[in-house]
Amino acid sequence: MSLEASFPRLRETGYRITSPATNEYNCIAWAAGESDRWWWPDPSGISYWPEGAPRRETLEAFLVAFLTLGFEPCSSELPEAGVEKVAIYVNAQGEPTHMARQLSSGGWTSKLGRSEDIEHQFDSLDGSHVYGSIAYILKRSL
């Protein structure tokens, strides 16, 4: 299935593939600024997850994980000088499905599962049947 079939808004809002597909890392790692390991709160501990964050697939666990990295909730996706932002997506059941990171340009970047990284607009992936909707925006000072 193509990116545009999975995420129909990409066609209308525009996007750019920025790296090839890889299994080395996922969207959560990419949002945290890493590209050398897979992040997920699996109870078995196979994947990396920040110490002190619950190993549960809940929005609370994802919030705690990124709070340990110095992020805090914020109310706007608009770029701010000296600030890095991430967005957490959830499905209809409120379970985390995806994360994206804001670039210094004000655009956003996402690692699409085991597929490519893309640059996209803030709301290009929001509301898709794949990732659901944005539940939180977090920020930290650079």
Protein backbone atom coordinates (compact mmCIF):
# COMPACT_ATOMS: atom_id res chain seq x y z
CA MET A 1 0.00 0.00 0.00
CA SER A 2 1.36 3.44 -0.91
CA LEU A 3 1.97 6.24 1.57
CA GLU A 4 -0.74 8.33 -0.04
CA ALA A 5 -3.26 5.48 0.22
CA SER A 6 -2.46 5.04 3.91
CA PHE A 7 -2.32 8.78 4.60
CA PRO A 8 -4.63 10.56 2.11
CA ARG A 9 -3.80 14.05 3.39
CA LEU A 10 -0.15 13.66 2.34
CA ARG A 11 -1.10 14.18 -1.30
CA GLU A 12 -2.91 17.44 -0.60
CA THR A 13 -0.48 18.84 1.99
CA GLY A 14 2.77 17.62 0.46
CA TYR A 15 5.59 15.52 1.83
CA ARG A 16 9.12 14.43 1.04
CA ILE A 17 10.80 11.07 1.68
CA THR A 18 14.07 11.79 3.52
CA SER A 19 15.55 8.33 4.13
CA PRO A 20 15.11 4.74 2.99
CA ALA A 21 13.14 2.12 4.89
CA THR A 22 14.95 0.49 7.81
CA ASN A 23 14.26 -1.79 10.79
CA GLU A 24 16.93 -0.10 12.93
CA TYR A 25 14.57 2.37 14.64
CA ASN A 26 10.93 3.41 14.79
CA CYS A 27 8.93 6.63 15.07
CA ILE A 28 9.28 6.83 18.85
CA ALA A 29 13.09 6.68 18.66
CA TRP A 30 13.03 9.14 15.75
CA ALA A 31 10.88 11.57 17.76
CA ALA A 32 13.43 11.30 20.59
CA GLY A 33 16.22 12.09 18.14
CA GLU A 34 17.66 8.57 17.86
CA SER A 35 18.17 6.36 14.83
CA ASP A 36 20.12 3.43 16.23
CA ARG A 37 17.59 1.47 18.30
CA TRP A 38 13.90 0.57 18.47
CA TRP A 39 11.88 2.23 21.25
CA TRP A 40 8.75 0.54 22.62
CA PRO A 41 7.43 -0.12 26.13
CA ASP A 42 7.19 -3.89 25.64
CA PRO A 43 6.95 -5.65 29.02
CA SER A 44 9.66 -8.16 28.04
CA GLY A 45 12.23 -5.38 27.80
CA ILE A 46 13.43 -6.34 24.30
CA SER A 47 13.07 -2.78 22.99
CA TYR A 48 14.62 0.28 24.58
CA TRP A 49 12.41 2.35 26.88
CA PRO A 50 13.55 5.17 29.21
CA GLU A 51 14.21 4.18 32.79
CA GLY A 52 11.44 5.31 35.09
CA ALA A 53 8.74 5.18 32.41
CA PRO A 54 6.12 2.43 32.72
CA ARG A 55 6.50 -0.40 30.21
CA ARG A 56 2.88 -0.23 29.12
CA GLU A 57 1.33 0.76 25.79
CA THR A 58 -0.57 3.68 27.27
CA LEU A 59 -0.60 7.40 26.62
CA GLU A 60 0.52 7.96 30.22
CA ALA A 61 3.61 5.74 29.69
CA PHE A 62 4.56 7.68 26.54
CA LEU A 63 4.11 10.98 28.35
CA VAL A 64 6.29 9.82 31.24
CA ALA A 65 8.94 8.51 28.82
CA PHE A 66 9.24 11.91 27.14
CA LEU A 67 9.04 13.80 30.44
CA THR A 68 12.21 11.89 31.42
CA LEU A 69 13.82 13.45 28.32
CA GLY A 70 12.96 16.97 29.45
CA PHE A 71 9.74 17.46 27.46
CA GLU A 72 6.63 19.07 28.91
CA PRO A 73 3.11 19.48 27.53
CA CYS A 74 2.38 22.52 25.39
CA SER A 75 -0.67 23.83 23.59
CA SER A 76 0.65 24.84 20.18
CA GLU A 77 2.37 23.16 17.27
CA LEU A 78 3.72 26.50 16.07
CA PRO A 79 7.53 26.72 15.97
CA GLU A 80 9.32 28.50 18.81
CA ALA A 81 12.96 29.58 18.73
CA GLY A 82 15.16 27.31 20.85
CA VAL A 83 12.37 24.76 21.37
CA GLU A 84 11.94 21.22 20.04
CA LYS A 85 8.44 19.76 19.81
CA VAL A 86 7.00 16.27 19.39
CA ALA A 87 3.45 15.05 18.81
CA ILE A 88 1.92 11.83 20.15
CA TYR A 89 -0.80 10.14 18.09
CA VAL A 90 -3.41 7.76 19.49
CA ASN A 91 -6.02 5.45 18.00
CA ALA A 92 -9.75 5.52 18.80
CA GLN A 93 -9.08 3.53 22.00
CA GLY A 94 -6.56 6.16 23.19
CA GLU A 95 -3.53 3.87 22.66
CA PRO A 96 -0.32 5.43 21.31
CA THR A 97 0.34 4.61 17.66
CA HIS A 98 2.89 7.13 16.38
CA MET A 99 5.09 10.12 17.18
CA ALA A 100 6.42 12.95 15.02
CA ARG A 101 9.11 15.57 15.67
CA GLN A 102 9.19 19.20 14.62
CA LEU A 103 12.16 20.33 12.54
CA SER A 104 13.93 23.66 12.96
CA SER A 105 12.23 24.74 9.70
CA GLY A 106 8.83 24.40 11.40
CA GLY A 107 7.95 21.32 9.34
CA TRP A 108 7.57 17.87 10.88
CA THR A 109 9.38 14.57 10.42
CA SER A 110 8.10 11.04 10.96
CA LYS A 111 9.47 7.54 10.70
CA LEU A 112 6.65 5.48 9.25
CA GLY A 113 6.96 2.14 11.05
CA ARG A 114 9.60 0.09 9.26
CA SER A 115 9.22 2.29 6.18
CA GLU A 116 10.82 5.61 5.27
CA ASP A 117 11.26 8.84 7.17
CA ILE A 118 9.31 11.72 5.70
CA GLU A 119 9.04 15.48 6.13
CA HIS A 120 5.43 16.62 6.27
CA GLN A 121 3.10 19.29 7.56
CA PHE A 122 1.86 19.12 11.15
CA ASP A 123 -1.59 17.71 10.37
CA SER A 124 -0.74 15.55 7.33
CA LEU A 125 -0.95 12.26 9.28
CA ASP A 126 -3.66 13.35 11.74
CA GLY A 127 -6.98 11.58 11.45
CA SER A 128 -5.64 8.70 9.36
CA HIS A 129 -6.98 5.19 9.83
CA VAL A 130 -3.37 4.10 10.46
CA TYR A 131 -2.27 6.45 13.28
CA GLY A 132 -5.45 8.10 14.49
CA SER A 133 -5.26 11.59 15.92
CA ILE A 134 -2.78 13.82 17.71
CA ALA A 135 -3.38 13.60 21.46
CA TYR A 136 -0.48 15.65 22.84
CA ILE A 137 2.16 18.10 21.79
CA LEU A 138 5.24 18.23 23.99
CA LYS A 139 8.16 20.64 23.98
CA ARG A 140 11.64 21.02 25.44
CA SER A 141 14.28 23.68 25.28
CA LEU A 142 17.24 22.94 23.06
